N, C-alpha and C. Protein backbone atom coordinates (compact mmCIF):
# COMPACT_ATOMS: atom_id res chain seq x y z
N UNK A 1 0.84 -1.16 0.00
CA UNK A 1 0.00 0.00 0.00
C UNK A 1 0.89 1.23 0.00
N UNK A 2 0.54 2.20 -0.78
CA UNK A 2 1.28 3.45 -0.85
C UNK A 2 0.42 4.57 -0.28
N UNK A 3 1.06 5.42 0.52
CA UNK A 3 0.38 6.58 1.08
C UNK A 3 1.20 7.80 0.66
N UNK A 4 0.55 8.81 0.08
CA UNK A 4 1.30 10.00 -0.33
C UNK A 4 1.88 10.74 0.87
N UNK A 5 3.12 11.16 0.74
CA UNK A 5 3.79 11.91 1.80
C UNK A 5 4.65 13.00 1.15
N UNK A 6 4.67 14.16 1.78
CA UNK A 6 5.55 15.25 1.35
C UNK A 6 6.44 15.61 2.52
N UNK A 7 7.74 15.70 2.26
CA UNK A 7 8.69 16.13 3.27
C UNK A 7 9.37 17.39 2.75
N UNK A 8 9.22 18.46 3.52
CA UNK A 8 9.81 19.73 3.13
C UNK A 8 10.85 20.11 4.18
N UNK A 9 12.09 20.22 3.75
CA UNK A 9 13.18 20.54 4.67
C UNK A 9 13.62 21.99 4.45
N UNK A 10 13.83 22.66 5.57
CA UNK A 10 14.32 24.02 5.50
C UNK A 10 15.83 24.06 5.31
N UNK A 11 16.34 25.25 5.12
CA UNK A 11 17.79 25.43 4.95
C UNK A 11 18.55 25.21 6.24
N UNK A 12 17.87 25.43 7.36
CA UNK A 12 18.52 25.29 8.66
C UNK A 12 17.82 24.21 9.47
N UNK A 13 18.57 23.64 10.42
CA UNK A 13 17.98 22.68 11.33
C UNK A 13 16.94 23.35 12.21
N UNK A 14 16.01 22.56 12.69
CA UNK A 14 14.96 23.06 13.56
C UNK A 14 14.00 21.94 13.89
N UNK A 15 12.85 22.29 14.43
CA UNK A 15 11.88 21.26 14.81
C UNK A 15 11.29 20.55 13.60
N UNK A 16 10.77 19.37 13.85
CA UNK A 16 10.05 18.61 12.83
C UNK A 16 8.56 18.68 13.18
N UNK A 17 7.77 19.08 12.20
CA UNK A 17 6.32 19.17 12.39
C UNK A 17 5.67 18.11 11.52
N UNK A 18 4.82 17.30 12.13
CA UNK A 18 4.06 16.25 11.43
C UNK A 18 2.63 16.73 11.30
N UNK A 19 2.09 16.69 10.09
CA UNK A 19 0.67 16.99 9.90
C UNK A 19 0.05 15.89 9.04
N UNK A 20 -1.16 15.52 9.37
CA UNK A 20 -1.87 14.55 8.55
C UNK A 20 -3.34 14.90 8.47
N UNK A 21 -3.95 14.47 7.41
CA UNK A 21 -5.37 14.69 7.20
C UNK A 21 -6.03 13.39 6.83
N UNK A 22 -7.33 13.45 6.77
CA UNK A 22 -8.14 12.33 6.28
C UNK A 22 -7.95 11.06 7.11
N UNK A 23 -8.00 11.22 8.43
CA UNK A 23 -8.04 10.03 9.30
C UNK A 23 -9.30 9.25 8.99
N UNK A 24 -10.39 9.97 8.76
CA UNK A 24 -11.62 9.36 8.27
C UNK A 24 -11.68 9.65 6.78
N UNK A 25 -11.81 8.60 6.00
CA UNK A 25 -11.65 8.68 4.55
C UNK A 25 -12.51 9.67 3.81
N UNK A 26 -13.66 10.03 4.37
CA UNK A 26 -14.53 10.96 3.67
C UNK A 26 -14.49 12.37 4.26
N UNK A 27 -13.48 12.67 5.03
CA UNK A 27 -13.31 14.02 5.57
C UNK A 27 -12.15 14.69 4.84
N UNK A 28 -12.48 15.41 3.80
CA UNK A 28 -11.48 15.94 2.88
C UNK A 28 -10.92 17.29 3.27
N UNK A 29 -11.50 17.97 4.25
CA UNK A 29 -11.06 19.33 4.56
C UNK A 29 -9.60 19.36 5.00
N UNK A 30 -9.13 18.38 5.76
CA UNK A 30 -7.73 18.33 6.17
C UNK A 30 -6.80 18.13 4.99
N UNK A 31 -7.19 17.27 4.07
CA UNK A 31 -6.39 17.01 2.87
C UNK A 31 -6.24 18.29 2.05
N UNK A 32 -7.35 18.97 1.84
CA UNK A 32 -7.32 20.23 1.10
C UNK A 32 -6.44 21.26 1.81
N UNK A 33 -6.60 21.38 3.11
CA UNK A 33 -5.85 22.36 3.89
C UNK A 33 -4.35 22.08 3.86
N UNK A 34 -3.97 20.83 3.94
CA UNK A 34 -2.54 20.47 3.88
C UNK A 34 -1.95 20.85 2.52
N UNK A 35 -2.66 20.54 1.45
CA UNK A 35 -2.16 20.91 0.11
C UNK A 35 -2.03 22.42 -0.02
N UNK A 36 -3.01 23.15 0.46
CA UNK A 36 -2.98 24.62 0.41
C UNK A 36 -1.80 25.15 1.23
N UNK A 37 -1.61 24.63 2.43
CA UNK A 37 -0.51 25.04 3.30
C UNK A 37 0.84 24.79 2.64
N UNK A 38 1.03 23.62 2.06
CA UNK A 38 2.31 23.29 1.43
C UNK A 38 2.60 24.18 0.21
N UNK A 39 1.56 24.50 -0.57
CA UNK A 39 1.75 25.38 -1.73
C UNK A 39 2.18 26.78 -1.30
N UNK A 40 1.71 27.22 -0.13
CA UNK A 40 2.02 28.57 0.33
C UNK A 40 3.28 28.65 1.18
N UNK A 41 3.85 27.53 1.55
CA UNK A 41 5.03 27.50 2.41
C UNK A 41 6.29 27.73 1.57
N UNK A 42 7.13 28.63 2.04
CA UNK A 42 8.37 28.94 1.34
C UNK A 42 9.51 28.16 2.01
N UNK A 43 10.03 27.12 1.36
CA UNK A 43 11.08 26.31 1.96
C UNK A 43 12.33 27.11 2.32
N UNK A 44 12.61 28.18 1.59
CA UNK A 44 13.82 28.96 1.87
C UNK A 44 13.72 29.71 3.20
N UNK A 45 12.52 29.90 3.71
CA UNK A 45 12.36 30.59 4.99
C UNK A 45 12.10 29.61 6.14
N UNK A 46 12.13 28.32 5.84
CA UNK A 46 11.80 27.29 6.82
C UNK A 46 13.02 26.87 7.62
N UNK A 47 12.85 26.77 8.93
CA UNK A 47 13.86 26.19 9.81
C UNK A 47 13.29 24.89 10.33
N UNK A 48 13.90 23.78 9.98
CA UNK A 48 13.39 22.47 10.39
C UNK A 48 12.76 21.75 9.23
N UNK A 49 11.73 21.00 9.53
CA UNK A 49 11.17 20.09 8.54
C UNK A 49 9.67 19.94 8.76
N UNK A 50 8.93 19.80 7.67
CA UNK A 50 7.50 19.50 7.71
C UNK A 50 7.30 18.15 7.04
N UNK A 51 6.67 17.23 7.74
CA UNK A 51 6.30 15.93 7.19
C UNK A 51 4.78 15.93 7.08
N UNK A 52 4.26 15.80 5.87
CA UNK A 52 2.82 15.92 5.64
C UNK A 52 2.27 14.68 4.94
N UNK A 53 1.23 14.12 5.52
CA UNK A 53 0.48 13.01 4.92
C UNK A 53 -0.95 13.51 4.71
N UNK A 54 -1.29 13.94 3.50
CA UNK A 54 -2.60 14.53 3.25
C UNK A 54 -3.77 13.56 3.40
N UNK A 55 -3.54 12.28 3.15
CA UNK A 55 -4.62 11.28 3.25
C UNK A 55 -4.09 10.07 4.02
N UNK A 56 -4.19 10.13 5.34
CA UNK A 56 -3.68 9.04 6.18
C UNK A 56 -4.46 7.74 5.95
N UNK A 57 -5.77 7.84 5.89
CA UNK A 57 -6.62 6.66 5.67
C UNK A 57 -6.87 6.53 4.17
N UNK A 58 -5.85 6.10 3.47
CA UNK A 58 -5.89 6.11 2.00
C UNK A 58 -6.95 5.17 1.45
N UNK A 59 -7.19 4.03 2.08
CA UNK A 59 -8.20 3.10 1.55
C UNK A 59 -9.61 3.65 1.74
N UNK A 60 -9.88 4.30 2.87
CA UNK A 60 -11.17 4.96 3.06
C UNK A 60 -11.32 6.13 2.10
N UNK A 61 -10.25 6.88 1.90
CA UNK A 61 -10.24 8.02 0.98
C UNK A 61 -10.58 7.57 -0.44
N UNK A 62 -9.94 6.50 -0.87
CA UNK A 62 -10.17 6.00 -2.23
C UNK A 62 -11.61 5.51 -2.43
N UNK A 63 -12.22 5.00 -1.36
CA UNK A 63 -13.60 4.48 -1.44
C UNK A 63 -14.65 5.52 -1.06
N UNK A 64 -14.20 6.74 -0.68
CA UNK A 64 -15.10 7.80 -0.25
C UNK A 64 -16.00 7.34 0.89
N UNK A 65 -15.39 6.70 1.87
CA UNK A 65 -16.13 6.26 3.04
C UNK A 65 -15.32 6.54 4.29
N UNK A 66 -15.98 6.69 5.42
CA UNK A 66 -15.35 7.07 6.67
C UNK A 66 -14.27 6.08 7.10
N UNK A 67 -14.58 4.82 7.10
CA UNK A 67 -13.66 3.78 7.57
C UNK A 67 -13.05 3.04 6.39
N UNK A 68 -11.87 2.52 6.62
CA UNK A 68 -11.22 1.70 5.61
C UNK A 68 -12.00 0.40 5.44
N UNK A 69 -12.17 -0.08 4.22
CA UNK A 69 -12.86 -1.35 4.03
C UNK A 69 -12.08 -2.53 4.60
N UNK A 70 -10.83 -2.33 4.97
CA UNK A 70 -10.00 -3.40 5.51
C UNK A 70 -9.91 -3.39 7.03
N UNK A 71 -10.51 -2.41 7.68
CA UNK A 71 -10.43 -2.29 9.14
C UNK A 71 -11.53 -3.13 9.77
N UNK A 72 -11.16 -4.05 10.64
CA UNK A 72 -12.14 -4.88 11.32
C UNK A 72 -12.20 -4.63 12.81
N UNK A 73 -11.13 -4.09 13.36
CA UNK A 73 -11.08 -3.87 14.81
C UNK A 73 -11.54 -2.45 15.14
N UNK A 74 -12.07 -2.28 16.31
CA UNK A 74 -12.51 -0.98 16.82
C UNK A 74 -13.49 -0.30 15.86
N UNK A 75 -14.26 -1.08 15.14
CA UNK A 75 -15.21 -0.52 14.20
C UNK A 75 -14.54 0.13 13.00
N UNK A 76 -13.23 -0.08 12.83
CA UNK A 76 -12.52 0.48 11.69
C UNK A 76 -12.12 1.93 11.85
N UNK A 77 -12.25 2.50 13.05
CA UNK A 77 -11.96 3.91 13.26
C UNK A 77 -10.50 4.08 13.68
N UNK A 78 -9.70 4.77 12.86
CA UNK A 78 -8.28 4.96 13.16
C UNK A 78 -8.03 5.89 14.35
N UNK A 79 -8.90 6.89 14.52
CA UNK A 79 -8.64 7.95 15.49
C UNK A 79 -8.30 7.45 16.90
N UNK A 80 -9.08 6.55 17.51
CA UNK A 80 -8.75 6.15 18.88
C UNK A 80 -7.54 5.21 18.98
N UNK A 81 -6.92 4.88 17.87
CA UNK A 81 -5.77 3.98 17.90
C UNK A 81 -4.45 4.71 18.06
N UNK A 82 -4.47 6.06 17.98
CA UNK A 82 -3.24 6.82 18.14
C UNK A 82 -2.82 6.81 19.60
N UNK A 83 -1.53 6.79 19.88
CA UNK A 83 -1.08 6.82 21.27
C UNK A 83 -1.36 8.16 21.93
N UNK A 84 -1.41 8.16 23.23
CA UNK A 84 -1.64 9.39 23.98
C UNK A 84 -2.84 9.26 24.89
N UNK A 85 -3.27 10.36 25.48
CA UNK A 85 -4.35 10.35 26.43
C UNK A 85 -5.66 9.81 25.84
N UNK A 86 -5.93 10.10 24.61
CA UNK A 86 -7.20 9.68 24.01
C UNK A 86 -7.23 8.25 23.53
N UNK A 87 -6.21 7.49 23.83
CA UNK A 87 -6.10 6.13 23.33
C UNK A 87 -7.21 5.24 23.88
N UNK A 88 -7.85 4.52 23.00
CA UNK A 88 -8.94 3.62 23.39
C UNK A 88 -8.37 2.32 23.95
N UNK A 89 -9.10 1.72 24.85
CA UNK A 89 -8.69 0.41 25.40
C UNK A 89 -8.94 -0.66 24.34
N UNK A 90 -8.04 -1.62 24.26
CA UNK A 90 -8.18 -2.71 23.27
C UNK A 90 -8.39 -4.01 23.98
């Protein structure tokens, strides 16, 4: 499976920022916003790096549905599977 990713590195070292959209396959606003942000970002003025995944749930995105057709656990919802405070019990 291939997932589109853009990595934009600045001229100088600095923090790394990760952004992703489309955790739910039919929510396109994040994907659009990431593409718009990257088009307007000037790499020559960037310190650090931006790692962008415009469509994280690529199989749901391709099928225009909220959940991936291949997800069977947790109702197929990617969001509660991320680590951190909001992590769902398995």
